[in-house]
Amino acid sequence: MIKTVGQIGVPVKDLDRALDFYKDKLRLPLLFNTDSMAFFDCGGLRVLLSLPEKEEFAHSSSVIYFQVEDLNTTYKYLVNKDVHFIDEPHVVAKMEHTETWMVFFKDTEGNTHALMSEVQV
């Protein structure tokens, strides 16, 4: 049976450009890289950036939802790093005393991802 997700692959067109974005802007720790792949750690989950081996794999990835403690502070930090956001932080769900906030952004390769935070109210 499946126990956990061990790695998420994100296709990229320009590995050097993507390395800069994920390492310097998102500040994910780089584990190691080769000439066609880069592996980052995101709280124990590996994020693999890779140049597609075949054209059929050269399309945008699934949305990765990056959990953050303070959505507004992280959002402002990344705006100052010229990260392209699609929207502004907003509530997507309310459950009893918890609000789930999100904001969506594009990486340098055209993939859409999100920042998310759960806030006690």
PDB file of N, CA and C in Angstrom:
ATOM      1  N   MET A   1       0.832  -1.192   0.000  1.00  0.00           N
ATOM      2  CA  MET A   1       0.000   0.000   0.000  1.00  0.00           C
ATOM      3  C   MET A   1       0.876   1.255   0.000  1.00  0.00           C
ATOM      4  N   ILE A   2       0.353   2.307  -0.552  1.00  0.00           N
ATOM      5  CA  ILE A   2       1.071   3.586  -0.581  1.00  0.00           C
ATOM      6  C   ILE A   2       1.047   4.192   0.810  1.00  0.00           C
ATOM      7  N   LYS A   3       2.225   4.633   1.263  1.00  0.00           N
ATOM      8  CA  LYS A   3       2.336   5.228   2.586  1.00  0.00           C
ATOM      9  C   LYS A   3       2.527   6.738   2.526  1.00  0.00           C
ATOM     10  N   THR A   4       3.271   7.219   1.541  1.00  0.00           N
ATOM     11  CA  THR A   4       3.567   8.644   1.460  1.00  0.00           C
ATOM     12  C   THR A   4       4.037   8.992   0.055  1.00  0.00           C
ATOM     13  N   VAL A   5       4.107  10.266  -0.231  1.00  0.00           N
ATOM     14  CA  VAL A   5       4.684  10.732  -1.487  1.00  0.00           C
ATOM     15  C   VAL A   5       6.157  11.004  -1.219  1.00  0.00           C
ATOM     16  N   GLY A   6       7.038  10.397  -1.992  1.00  0.00           N
ATOM     17  CA  GLY A   6       8.470  10.542  -1.778  1.00  0.00           C
ATOM     18  C   GLY A   6       9.112  11.629  -2.606  1.00  0.00           C
ATOM     19  N   GLN A   7       8.493  11.938  -3.758  1.00  0.00           N
ATOM     20  CA  GLN A   7       9.105  12.904  -4.664  1.00  0.00           C
ATOM     21  C   GLN A   7       8.046  13.433  -5.607  1.00  0.00           C
ATOM     22  N   ILE A   8       8.153  14.707  -5.957  1.00  0.00           N
ATOM     23  CA  ILE A   8       7.280  15.313  -6.962  1.00  0.00           C
ATOM     24  C   ILE A   8       8.184  15.823  -8.068  1.00  0.00           C
ATOM     25  N   GLY A   9       7.888  15.450  -9.295  1.00  0.00           N
ATOM     26  CA  GLY A   9       8.665  15.894 -10.445  1.00  0.00           C
ATOM     27  C   GLY A   9       8.032  17.106 -11.096  1.00  0.00           C
ATOM     28  N   VAL A  10       8.862  18.089 -11.418  1.00  0.00           N
ATOM     29  CA  VAL A  10       8.409  19.307 -12.081  1.00  0.00           C
ATOM     30  C   VAL A  10       9.216  19.461 -13.369  1.00  0.00           C
ATOM     31  N   PRO A  11       8.559  19.405 -14.535  1.00  0.00           N
ATOM     32  CA  PRO A  11       9.302  19.573 -15.787  1.00  0.00           C
ATOM     33  C   PRO A  11       9.735  21.027 -15.960  1.00  0.00           C
ATOM     34  N   VAL A  12      10.950  21.205 -16.470  1.00  0.00           N
ATOM     35  CA  VAL A  12      11.476  22.549 -16.707  1.00  0.00           C
ATOM     36  C   VAL A  12      12.036  22.646 -18.119  1.00  0.00           C
ATOM     37  N   LYS A  13      12.096  23.869 -18.629  1.00  0.00           N
ATOM     38  CA  LYS A  13      12.664  24.108 -19.953  1.00  0.00           C
ATOM     39  C   LYS A  13      14.106  24.573 -19.854  1.00  0.00           C
ATOM     40  N   ASP A  14      14.422  25.311 -18.783  1.00  0.00           N
ATOM     41  CA  ASP A  14      15.755  25.872 -18.565  1.00  0.00           C
ATOM     42  C   ASP A  14      16.148  25.557 -17.123  1.00  0.00           C
ATOM     43  N   LEU A  15      17.003  24.562 -16.950  1.00  0.00           N
ATOM     44  CA  LEU A  15      17.340  24.089 -15.611  1.00  0.00           C
ATOM     45  C   LEU A  15      18.052  25.161 -14.773  1.00  0.00           C
ATOM     46  N   ASP A  16      18.964  25.920 -15.366  1.00  0.00           N
ATOM     47  CA  ASP A  16      19.670  26.959 -14.614  1.00  0.00           C
ATOM     48  C   ASP A  16      18.699  28.020 -14.103  1.00  0.00           C
ATOM     49  N   ARG A  17      17.774  28.440 -14.948  1.00  0.00           N
ATOM     50  CA  ARG A  17      16.778  29.441 -14.557  1.00  0.00           C
ATOM     51  C   ARG A  17      15.885  28.902 -13.443  1.00  0.00           C
ATOM     52  N   ALA A  18      15.455  27.641 -13.577  1.00  0.00           N
ATOM     53  CA  ALA A  18      14.604  27.013 -12.568  1.00  0.00           C
ATOM     54  C   ALA A  18      15.359  26.815 -11.253  1.00  0.00           C
ATOM     55  N   LEU A  19      16.641  26.439 -11.331  1.00  0.00           N
ATOM     56  CA  LEU A  19      17.473  26.309 -10.128  1.00  0.00           C
ATOM     57  C   LEU A  19      17.504  27.619  -9.351  1.00  0.00           C
ATOM     58  N   ASP A  20      17.706  28.717 -10.047  1.00  0.00           N
ATOM     59  CA  ASP A  20      17.729  30.026  -9.407  1.00  0.00           C
ATOM     60  C   ASP A  20      16.395  30.307  -8.713  1.00  0.00           C
ATOM     61  N   PHE A  21      15.301  30.026  -9.385  1.00  0.00           N
ATOM     62  CA  PHE A  21      13.975  30.305  -8.823  1.00  0.00           C
ATOM     63  C   PHE A  21      13.718  29.489  -7.562  1.00  0.00           C
ATOM     64  N   TYR A  22      13.895  28.189  -7.623  1.00  0.00           N
ATOM     65  CA  TYR A  22      13.566  27.316  -6.491  1.00  0.00           C
ATOM     66  C   TYR A  22      14.563  27.473  -5.338  1.00  0.00           C
ATOM     67  N   LYS A  23      15.828  27.713  -5.661  1.00  0.00           N
ATOM     68  CA  LYS A  23      16.864  27.836  -4.623  1.00  0.00           C
ATOM     69  C   LYS A  23      16.912  29.242  -4.034  1.00  0.00           C
ATOM     70  N   ASP A  24      16.996  30.256  -4.896  1.00  0.00           N
ATOM     71  CA  ASP A  24      17.215  31.617  -4.418  1.00  0.00           C
ATOM     72  C   ASP A  24      15.940  32.374  -4.081  1.00  0.00           C
ATOM     73  N   LYS A  25      14.862  32.098  -4.784  1.00  0.00           N
ATOM     74  CA  LYS A  25      13.619  32.820  -4.490  1.00  0.00           C
ATOM     75  C   LYS A  25      12.736  32.058  -3.509  1.00  0.00           C
ATOM     76  N   LEU A  26      12.479  30.776  -3.790  1.00  0.00           N
ATOM     77  CA  LEU A  26      11.655  29.991  -2.862  1.00  0.00           C
ATOM     78  C   LEU A  26      12.459  29.517  -1.663  1.00  0.00           C
ATOM     79  N   ARG A  27      13.775  29.552  -1.778  1.00  0.00           N
ATOM     80  CA  ARG A  27      14.711  29.186  -0.703  1.00  0.00           C
ATOM     81  C   ARG A  27      14.573  27.732  -0.260  1.00  0.00           C
ATOM     82  N   LEU A  28      14.317  26.839  -1.215  1.00  0.00           N
ATOM     83  CA  LEU A  28      14.313  25.411  -0.916  1.00  0.00           C
ATOM     84  C   LEU A  28      15.759  24.926  -0.884  1.00  0.00           C
ATOM     85  N   PRO A  29      16.116  24.067   0.068  1.00  0.00           N
ATOM     86  CA  PRO A  29      17.485  23.547   0.129  1.00  0.00           C
ATOM     87  C   PRO A  29      17.776  22.606  -1.052  1.00  0.00           C
ATOM     88  N   LEU A  30      18.850  22.902  -1.774  1.00  0.00           N
ATOM     89  CA  LEU A  30      19.282  22.063  -2.893  1.00  0.00           C
ATOM     90  C   LEU A  30      20.011  20.852  -2.331  1.00  0.00           C
ATOM     91  N   LEU A  31      19.537  19.652  -2.682  1.00  0.00           N
ATOM     92  CA  LEU A  31      20.198  18.421  -2.245  1.00  0.00           C
ATOM     93  C   LEU A  31      21.378  18.122  -3.154  1.00  0.00           C
ATOM     94  N   PHE A  32      21.115  18.087  -4.482  1.00  0.00           N
ATOM     95  CA  PHE A  32      22.177  17.913  -5.469  1.00  0.00           C
ATOM     96  C   PHE A  32      21.585  18.133  -6.851  1.00  0.00           C
ATOM     97  N   ASN A  33      22.442  18.306  -7.847  1.00  0.00           N
ATOM     98  CA  ASN A  33      21.957  18.453  -9.216  1.00  0.00           C
ATOM     99  C   ASN A  33      22.938  17.842 -10.204  1.00  0.00           C
ATOM    100  N   THR A  34      22.418  17.538 -11.386  1.00  0.00           N
ATOM    101  CA  THR A  34      23.209  17.034 -12.507  1.00  0.00           C
ATOM    102  C   THR A  34      22.998  18.010 -13.661  1.00  0.00           C
ATOM    103  N   ASP A  35      23.420  17.630 -14.858  1.00  0.00           N
ATOM    104  CA  ASP A  35      23.219  18.516 -16.002  1.00  0.00           C
ATOM    105  C   ASP A  35      21.769  18.540 -16.486  1.00  0.00           C
ATOM    106  N   SER A  36      20.922  17.600 -16.034  1.00  0.00           N
ATOM    107  CA  SER A  36      19.531  17.576 -16.497  1.00  0.00           C
ATOM    108  C   SER A  36      18.506  17.501 -15.360  1.00  0.00           C
ATOM    109  N   MET A  37      18.969  17.446 -14.091  1.00  0.00           N
ATOM    110  CA  MET A  37      18.048  17.327 -12.962  1.00  0.00           C
ATOM    111  C   MET A  37      18.579  18.089 -11.753  1.00  0.00           C
ATOM    112  N   ALA A  38      17.645  18.502 -10.887  1.00  0.00           N
ATOM    113  CA  ALA A  38      18.012  19.109  -9.600  1.00  0.00           C
ATOM    114  C   ALA A  38      17.024  18.616  -8.560  1.00  0.00           C
ATOM    115  N   PHE A  39      17.546  18.256  -7.394  1.00  0.00           N
ATOM    116  CA  PHE A  39      16.720  17.720  -6.311  1.00  0.00           C
ATOM    117  C   PHE A  39      16.748  18.680  -5.126  1.00  0.00           C
ATOM    118  N   PHE A  40      15.569  19.059  -4.658  1.00  0.00           N
ATOM    119  CA  PHE A  40      15.428  19.953  -3.514  1.00  0.00           C
ATOM    120  C   PHE A  40      14.686  19.227  -2.400  1.00  0.00           C
ATOM    121  N   ASP A  41      14.904  19.686  -1.169  1.00  0.00           N
ATOM    122  CA  ASP A  41      14.162  19.162  -0.026  1.00  0.00           C
ATOM    123  C   ASP A  41      13.093  20.175   0.369  1.00  0.00           C
ATOM    124  N   CYS A  42      11.891  19.684   0.578  1.00  0.00           N
ATOM    125  CA  CYS A  42      10.797  20.537   1.031  1.00  0.00           C
ATOM    126  C   CYS A  42      10.141  19.838   2.215  1.00  0.00           C
ATOM    127  N   GLY A  43      10.749  19.986   3.393  1.00  0.00           N
ATOM    128  CA  GLY A  43      10.214  19.364   4.599  1.00  0.00           C
ATOM    129  C   GLY A  43      10.164  17.857   4.533  1.00  0.00           C
ATOM    130  N   GLY A  44      11.166  17.242   3.914  1.00  0.00           N
ATOM    131  CA  GLY A  44      11.220  15.791   3.803  1.00  0.00           C
ATOM    132  C   GLY A  44      10.672  15.245   2.490  1.00  0.00           C
ATOM    133  N   LEU A  45      10.033  16.083   1.706  1.00  0.00           N
ATOM    134  CA  LEU A  45       9.531  15.689   0.384  1.00  0.00           C
ATOM    135  C   LEU A  45      10.508  16.214  -0.655  1.00  0.00           C
ATOM    136  N   ARG A  46      10.968  15.348  -1.551  1.00  0.00           N
ATOM    137  CA  ARG A  46      11.880  15.784  -2.606  1.00  0.00           C
ATOM    138  C   ARG A  46      11.105  16.398  -3.763  1.00  0.00           C
ATOM    139  N   VAL A  47      11.573  17.541  -4.214  1.00  0.00           N
ATOM    140  CA  VAL A  47      11.045  18.179  -5.418  1.00  0.00           C
ATOM    141  C   VAL A  47      12.126  18.038  -6.479  1.00  0.00           C
ATOM    142  N   LEU A  48      11.798  17.335  -7.549  1.00  0.00           N
ATOM    143  CA  LEU A  48      12.727  17.072  -8.643  1.00  0.00           C
ATOM    144  C   LEU A  48      12.413  17.985  -9.810  1.00  0.00           C
ATOM    145  N   LEU A  49      13.363  18.809 -10.196  1.00  0.00           N
ATOM    146  CA  LEU A  49      13.256  19.588 -11.423  1.00  0.00           C
ATOM    147  C   LEU A  49      13.996  18.811 -12.495  1.00  0.00           C
ATOM    148  N   SER A  50      13.367  18.626 -13.643  1.00  0.00           N
ATOM    149  CA  SER A  50      14.067  17.865 -14.682  1.00  0.00           C
ATOM    150  C   SER A  50      13.723  18.351 -16.080  1.00  0.00           C
ATOM    151  N   LEU A  51      14.737  18.292 -16.927  1.00  0.00           N
ATOM    152  CA  LEU A  51      14.511  18.517 -18.353  1.00  0.00           C
ATOM    153  C   LEU A  51      13.806  17.263 -18.872  1.00  0.00           C
ATOM    154  N   PRO A  52      12.674  17.407 -19.548  1.00  0.00           N
ATOM    155  CA  PRO A  52      11.937  16.229 -20.010  1.00  0.00           C
ATOM    156  C   PRO A  52      12.762  15.352 -20.948  1.00  0.00           C
ATOM    157  N   GLU A  53      12.690  14.041 -20.722  1.00  0.00           N
ATOM    158  CA  GLU A  53      13.406  13.098 -21.578  1.00  0.00           C
ATOM    159  C   GLU A  53      12.758  13.006 -22.952  1.00  0.00           C
ATOM    160  N   LYS A  54      11.429  13.157 -22.989  1.00  0.00           N
ATOM    161  CA  LYS A  54      10.675  13.080 -24.238  1.00  0.00           C
ATOM    162  C   LYS A  54       9.705  14.251 -24.300  1.00  0.00           C
ATOM    163  N   GLU A  55       9.335  14.645 -25.508  1.00  0.00           N
ATOM    164  CA  GLU A  55       8.418  15.765 -25.712  1.00  0.00           C
ATOM    165  C   GLU A  55       7.074  15.547 -25.001  1.00  0.00           C
ATOM    166  N   GLU A  56       6.642  14.297 -24.884  1.00  0.00           N
ATOM    167  CA  GLU A  56       5.357  14.009 -24.244  1.00  0.00           C
ATOM    168  C   GLU A  56       5.341  14.379 -22.759  1.00  0.00           C
ATOM    169  N   PHE A  57       6.521  14.561 -22.159  1.00  0.00           N
ATOM    170  CA  PHE A  57       6.604  14.954 -20.757  1.00  0.00           C
ATOM    171  C   PHE A  57       6.866  16.450 -20.590  1.00  0.00           C
ATOM    172  N   ALA A  58       6.942  17.189 -21.688  1.00  0.00           N
ATOM    173  CA  ALA A  58       7.273  18.620 -21.648  1.00  0.00           C
ATOM    174  C   ALA A  58       6.013  19.473 -21.511  1.00  0.00           C
ATOM    175  N   HIS A  59       5.316  19.340 -20.406  1.00  0.00           N
ATOM    176  CA  HIS A  59       4.121  20.151 -20.142  1.00  0.00           C
ATOM    177  C   HIS A  59       4.112  20.567 -18.683  1.00  0.00           C
ATOM    178  N   SER A  60       3.266  21.485 -18.340  1.00  0.00           N
ATOM    179  CA  SER A  60       3.201  21.975 -16.966  1.00  0.00           C
ATOM    180  C   SER A  60       2.906  20.846 -15.993  1.00  0.00           C
ATOM    181  N   SER A  61       3.387  21.024 -14.765  1.00  0.00           N
ATOM    182  CA  SER A  61       3.223  19.996 -13.744  1.00  0.00           C
ATOM    183  C   SER A  61       1.921  20.176 -12.977  1.00  0.00           C
ATOM    184  N   SER A  62       1.689  19.286 -12.034  1.00  0.00           N
ATOM    185  CA  SER A  62       0.593  19.451 -11.099  1.00  0.00           C
ATOM    186  C   SER A  62       0.911  20.630 -10.188  1.00  0.00           C
ATOM    187  N   VAL A  63      -0.120  21.169  -9.552  1.00  0.00           N
ATOM    188  CA  VAL A  63       0.084  22.277  -8.627  1.00  0.00           C
ATOM    189  C   VAL A  63       0.700  21.746  -7.343  1.00  0.00           C
ATOM    190  N   ILE A  64       1.806  22.354  -6.907  1.00  0.00           N
ATOM    191  CA  ILE A  64       2.396  22.039  -5.611  1.00  0.00           C
ATOM    192  C   ILE A  64       1.929  23.122  -4.647  1.00  0.00           C
ATOM    193  N   TYR A  65       1.350  22.697  -3.539  1.00  0.00           N
ATOM    194  CA  TYR A  65       0.877  23.625  -2.513  1.00  0.00           C
ATOM    195  C   TYR A  65       1.931  23.670  -1.403  1.00  0.00           C
ATOM    196  N   PHE A  66       2.681  24.769  -1.341  1.00  0.00           N
ATOM    197  CA  PHE A  66       3.735  24.932  -0.350  1.00  0.00           C
ATOM    198  C   PHE A  66       3.143  25.511   0.930  1.00  0.00           C
ATOM    199  N   GLN A  67       3.214  24.746   2.022  1.00  0.00           N
ATOM    200  CA  GLN A  67       2.701  25.200   3.322  1.00  0.00           C
ATOM    201  C   GLN A  67       3.665  26.217   3.911  1.00  0.00           C
ATOM    202  N   VAL A  68       3.144  27.356   4.355  1.00  0.00           N
ATOM    203  CA  VAL A  68       3.952  28.384   5.010  1.00  0.00           C
ATOM    204  C   VAL A  68       3.269  28.796   6.313  1.00  0.00           C
ATOM    205  N   GLU A  69       4.054  29.312   7.250  1.00  0.00           N
ATOM    206  CA  GLU A  69       3.471  29.737   8.529  1.00  0.00           C
ATOM    207  C   GLU A  69       2.766  31.073   8.398  1.00  0.00           C
ATOM    208  N   ASP A  70       3.394  32.037   7.747  1.00  0.00           N
ATOM    209  CA  ASP A  70       2.840  33.383   7.622  1.00  0.00           C
ATOM    210  C   ASP A  70       2.707  33.711   6.143  1.00  0.00           C
ATOM    211  N   LEU A  71       1.511  33.538   5.614  1.00  0.00           N
ATOM    212  CA  LEU A  71       1.272  33.701   4.185  1.00  0.00           C
ATOM    213  C   LEU A  71       1.573  35.120   3.723  1.00  0.00           C
ATOM    214  N   ASN A  72       1.119  36.124   4.459  1.00  0.00           N
ATOM    215  CA  ASN A  72       1.322  37.504   4.014  1.00  0.00           C
ATOM    216  C   ASN A  72       2.800  37.892   3.987  1.00  0.00           C
ATOM    217  N   THR A  73       3.558  37.481   4.984  1.00  0.00           N
ATOM    218  CA  THR A  73       4.986  37.791   5.011  1.00  0.00           C
ATOM    219  C   THR A  73       5.709  37.095   3.857  1.00  0.00           C
ATOM    220  N   THR A  74       5.402  35.817   3.628  1.00  0.00           N
ATOM    221  CA  THR A  74       6.027  35.066   2.533  1.00  0.00           C
ATOM    222  C   THR A  74       5.644  35.662   1.184  1.00  0.00           C
ATOM    223  N   TYR A  75       4.379  36.011   1.039  1.00  0.00           N
ATOM    224  CA  TYR A  75       3.881  36.636  -0.201  1.00  0.00           C
ATOM    225  C   TYR A  75       4.656  37.925  -0.492  1.00  0.00           C
ATOM    226  N   LYS A  76       4.777  38.808   0.514  1.00  0.00           N
ATOM    227  CA  LYS A  76       5.486  40.081   0.321  1.00  0.00           C
ATOM    228  C   LYS A  76       6.961  39.843  -0.014  1.00  0.00           C
ATOM    229  N   TYR A  77       7.582  38.872   0.650  1.00  0.00           N
ATOM    230  CA  TYR A  77       8.980  38.545   0.380  1.00  0.00           C
ATOM    231  C   TYR A  77       9.152  38.121  -1.088  1.00  0.00           C
ATOM    232  N   LEU A  78       8.263  37.240  -1.565  1.00  0.00           N
ATOM    233  CA  LEU A  78       8.391  36.735  -2.932  1.00  0.00           C
ATOM    234  C   LEU A  78       8.015  37.784  -3.975  1.00  0.00           C
ATOM    235  N   VAL A  79       7.072  38.662  -3.663  1.00  0.00           N
ATOM    236  CA  VAL A  79       6.761  39.776  -4.567  1.00  0.00           C
ATOM    237  C   VAL A  79       8.016  40.624  -4.765  1.00  0.00           C
ATOM    238  N   ASN A  80       8.745  40.861  -3.668  1.00  0.00           N
ATOM    239  CA  ASN A  80       9.987  41.641  -3.762  1.00  0.00           C
ATOM    240  C   ASN A  80      11.084  40.903  -4.513  1.00  0.00           C
ATOM    241  N   LYS A  81      10.954  39.577  -4.661  1.00  0.00           N
ATOM    242  CA  LYS A  81      11.905  38.770  -5.437  1.00  0.00           C
ATOM    243  C   LYS A  81      11.426  38.606  -6.887  1.00  0.00           C
ATOM    244  N   ASP A  82      10.402  39.384  -7.265  1.00  0.00           N
ATOM    245  CA  ASP A  82       9.841  39.377  -8.629  1.00  0.00           C
ATOM    246  C   ASP A  82       9.167  38.059  -9.012  1.00  0.00           C
ATOM    247  N   VAL A  83       8.604  37.360  -8.035  1.00  0.00           N
ATOM    248  CA  VAL A  83       7.809  36.169  -8.338  1.00  0.00           C
ATOM    249  C   VAL A  83       6.462  36.638  -8.891  1.00  0.00           C
ATOM    250  N   HIS A  84       6.011  36.013  -9.975  1.00  0.00           N
ATOM    251  CA  HIS A  84       4.760  36.403 -10.648  1.00  0.00           C
ATOM    252  C   HIS A  84       3.567  35.700  -9.991  1.00  0.00           C
ATOM    253  N   PHE A  85       2.768  36.461  -9.254  1.00  0.00           N
ATOM    254  CA  PHE A  85       1.571  35.920  -8.616  1.00  0.00           C
ATOM    255  C   PHE A  85       0.364  36.114  -9.514  1.00  0.00           C
ATOM    256  N   ILE A  86      -0.517  35.130  -9.507  1.00  0.00           N
ATOM    257  CA  ILE A  86      -1.729  35.143 -10.321  1.00  0.00           C
ATOM    258  C   ILE A  86      -2.838  35.893  -9.605  1.00  0.00           C
ATOM    259  N   ASP A  87      -2.806  35.859  -8.275  1.00  0.00           N
ATOM    260  CA  ASP A  87      -3.834  36.513  -7.472  1.00  0.00           C
ATOM    261  C   ASP A  87      -3.200  37.025  -6.190  1.00  0.00           C
ATOM    262  N   GLU A  88      -4.023  37.405  -5.233  1.00  0.00           N
ATOM    263  CA  GLU A  88      -3.541  37.859  -3.935  1.00  0.00           C
ATOM    264  C   GLU A  88      -3.993  36.871  -2.876  1.00  0.00           C
ATOM    265  N   PRO A  89      -3.340  36.868  -1.695  1.00  0.00           N
ATOM    266  CA  PRO A  89      -3.761  35.941  -0.636  1.00  0.00           C
ATOM    267  C   PRO A  89      -5.260  36.084  -0.340  1.00  0.00           C
ATOM    268  N   HIS A  90      -5.922  34.933  -0.242  1.00  0.00           N
ATOM    269  CA  HIS A  90      -7.363  34.942   0.001  1.00  0.00           C
ATOM    270  C   HIS A  90      -7.784  33.662   0.721  1.00  0.00           C
ATOM    271  N   VAL A  91      -8.929  33.728   1.396  1.00  0.00           N
ATOM    272  CA  VAL A  91      -9.479  32.571   2.098  1.00  0.00           C
ATOM    273  C   VAL A  91     -10.142  31.646   1.081  1.00  0.00           C
ATOM    274  N   VAL A  92      -9.811  30.342   1.165  1.00  0.00           N
ATOM    275  CA  VAL A  92     -10.442  29.363   0.273  1.00  0.00           C
ATOM    276  C   VAL A  92     -11.390  28.439   1.018  1.00  0.00           C
ATOM    277  N   ALA A  93     -11.225  28.358   2.351  1.00  0.00           N
ATOM    278  CA  ALA A  93     -12.113  27.485   3.137  1.00  0.00           C
ATOM    279  C   ALA A  93     -12.123  27.937   4.593  1.00  0.00           C
ATOM    280  N   LYS A  94     -13.293  27.766   5.216  1.00  0.00           N
ATOM    281  CA  LYS A  94     -13.439  28.034   6.650  1.00  0.00           C
ATOM    282  C   LYS A  94     -14.039  26.796   7.287  1.00  0.00           C
ATOM    283  N   MET A  95     -13.364  26.286   8.332  1.00  0.00           N
ATOM    284  CA  MET A  95     -13.844  25.114   9.056  1.00  0.00           C
ATOM    285  C   MET A  95     -13.737  25.405  10.541  1.00  0.00           C
ATOM    286  N   GLU A  96     -14.877  25.570  11.200  1.00  0.00           N
ATOM    287  CA  GLU A  96     -14.939  25.898  12.623  1.00  0.00           C
ATOM    288  C   GLU A  96     -14.028  27.073  12.948  1.00  0.00           C
ATOM    289  N   HIS A  97     -12.884  26.837  13.576  1.00  0.00           N
ATOM    290  CA  HIS A  97     -11.995  27.917  14.000  1.00  0.00           C
ATOM    291  C   HIS A  97     -10.744  28.032  13.133  1.00  0.00           C
ATOM    292  N   THR A  98     -10.776  27.462  11.933  1.00  0.00           N
ATOM    293  CA  THR A  98      -9.609  27.474  11.051  1.00  0.00           C
ATOM    294  C   THR A  98      -9.987  28.019   9.676  1.00  0.00           C
ATOM    295  N   GLU A  99      -9.166  28.950   9.175  1.00  0.00           N
ATOM    296  CA  GLU A  99      -9.301  29.442   7.805  1.00  0.00           C
ATOM    297  C   GLU A  99      -8.100  28.953   7.009  1.00  0.00           C
ATOM    298  N   THR A 100      -8.343  28.491   5.795  1.00  0.00           N
ATOM    299  CA  THR A 100      -7.265  28.111   4.887  1.00  0.00           C
ATOM    300  C   THR A 100      -7.100  29.229   3.874  1.00  0.00           C
ATOM    301  N   TRP A 101      -5.896  29.802   3.858  1.00  0.00           N
ATOM    302  CA  TRP A 101      -5.557  30.892   2.944  1.00  0.00           C
ATOM    303  C   TRP A 101      -4.625  30.374   1.856  1.00  0.00           C
ATOM    304  N   MET A 102      -4.768  30.915   0.630  1.00  0.00           N
ATOM    305  CA  MET A 102      -3.899  30.541  -0.484  1.00  0.00           C
ATOM    306  C   MET A 102      -3.612  31.738  -1.371  1.00  0.00           C
ATOM    307  N   VAL A 103      -2.537  31.606  -2.118  1.00  0.00           N
ATOM    308  CA  VAL A 103      -2.207  32.534  -3.194  1.00  0.00           C
ATOM    309  C   VAL A 103      -1.436  31.720  -4.236  1.00  0.00           C
ATOM    310  N   PHE A 104      -1.766  31.914  -5.506  1.00  0.00           N
ATOM    311  CA  PHE A 104      -1.168  31.135  -6.593  1.00  0.00           C
ATOM    312  C   PHE A 104      -0.118  31.958  -7.339  1.00  0.00           C
ATOM    313  N   PHE A 105       0.935  31.254  -7.807  1.00  0.00           N
ATOM    314  CA  PHE A 105       2.015  31.913  -8.531  1.00  0.00           C
ATOM    315  C   PHE A 105       2.522  31.010  -9.638  1.00  0.00           C
ATOM    316  N   LYS A 106       3.278  31.614 -10.563  1.00  0.00           N
ATOM    317  CA  LYS A 106       3.925  30.883 -11.657  1.00  0.00           C
ATOM    318  C   LYS A 106       5.415  30.810 -11.380  1.00  0.00           C
ATOM    319  N   ASP A 107       6.010  29.639 -11.664  1.00  0.00           N
ATOM    320  CA  ASP A 107       7.464  29.571 -11.599  1.00  0.00           C
ATOM    321  C   ASP A 107       8.015  30.062 -12.936  1.00  0.00           C
ATOM    322  N   THR A 108       9.316  30.047 -13.101  1.00  0.00           N
ATOM    323  CA  THR A 108       9.934  30.565 -14.324  1.00  0.00           C
ATOM    324  C   THR A 108       9.656  29.696 -15.542  1.00  0.00           C
ATOM    325  N   GLU A 109       9.133  28.486 -15.310  1.00  0.00           N
ATOM    326  CA  GLU A 109       8.894  27.539 -16.401  1.00  0.00           C
ATOM    327  C   GLU A 109       7.425  27.468 -16.804  1.00  0.00           C
ATOM    328  N   GLY A 110       6.585  28.317 -16.201  1.00  0.00           N
ATOM    329  CA  GLY A 110       5.164  28.342 -16.541  1.00  0.00           C
ATOM    330  C   GLY A 110       4.301  27.422 -15.702  1.00  0.00           C
ATOM    331  N   ASN A 111       4.891  26.726 -14.722  1.00  0.00           N
ATOM    332  CA  ASN A 111       4.114  25.861 -13.832  1.00  0.00           C
ATOM    333  C   ASN A 111       3.411  26.711 -12.774  1.00  0.00           C
ATOM    334  N   THR A 112       2.175  26.356 -12.455  1.00  0.00           N
ATOM    335  CA  THR A 112       1.419  27.051 -11.418  1.00  0.00           C
ATOM    336  C   THR A 112       1.563  26.311 -10.099  1.00  0.00           C
ATOM    337  N   HIS A 113       1.888  27.045  -9.036  1.00  0.00           N
ATOM    338  CA  HIS A 113       1.985  26.500  -7.688  1.00  0.00           C
ATOM    339  C   HIS A 113       1.263  27.440  -6.735  1.00  0.00           C
ATOM    340  N   ALA A 114       1.191  27.060  -5.465  1.00  0.00           N
ATOM    341  CA  ALA A 114       0.488  27.893  -4.489  1.00  0.00           C
ATOM    342  C   ALA A 114       1.216  27.903  -3.164  1.00  0.00           C
ATOM    343  N   LEU A 115       1.013  28.986  -2.437  1.00  0.00           N
ATOM    344  CA  LEU A 115       1.399  29.050  -1.037  1.00  0.00           C
ATOM    345  C   LEU A 115       0.101  28.871  -0.251  1.00  0.00           C
ATOM    346  N   MET A 116       0.162  28.135   0.850  1.00  0.00           N
ATOM    347  CA  MET A 116      -1.041  27.954   1.665  1.00  0.00           C
ATOM    348  C   MET A 116      -0.695  28.056   3.141  1.00  0.00           C
ATOM    349  N   SER A 117      -1.688  28.500   3.914  1.00  0.00           N
ATOM    350  CA  SER A 117      -1.495  28.635   5.349  1.00  0.00           C
ATOM    351  C   SER A 117      -2.836  28.435   6.039  1.00  0.00           C
ATOM    352  N   GLU A 118      -2.803  27.724   7.152  1.00  0.00           N
ATOM    353  CA  GLU A 118      -4.013  27.538   7.951  1.00  0.00           C
ATOM    354  C   GLU A 118      -3.912  28.433   9.172  1.00  0.00           C
ATOM    355  N   VAL A 119      -4.928  29.259   9.365  1.00  0.00           N
ATOM    356  CA  VAL A 119      -4.922  30.273  10.418  1.00  0.00           C
ATOM    357  C   VAL A 119      -6.053  29.980  11.401  1.00  0.00           C
ATOM    358  N   GLN A 120      -5.719  30.000  12.671  1.00  0.00           N
ATOM    359  CA  GLN A 120      -6.736  29.839  13.719  1.00  0.00           C
ATOM    360  C   GLN A 120      -7.431  31.178  13.923  1.00  0.00           C
ATOM    361  N   VAL A 121      -8.772  31.159  13.920  1.00  0.00           N
ATOM    362  CA  VAL A 121      -9.545  32.401  14.115  1.00  0.00           C
ATOM    363  C   VAL A 121     -10.470  32.277  15.309  1.00  0.00           C
TER     364      VAL A 121
END
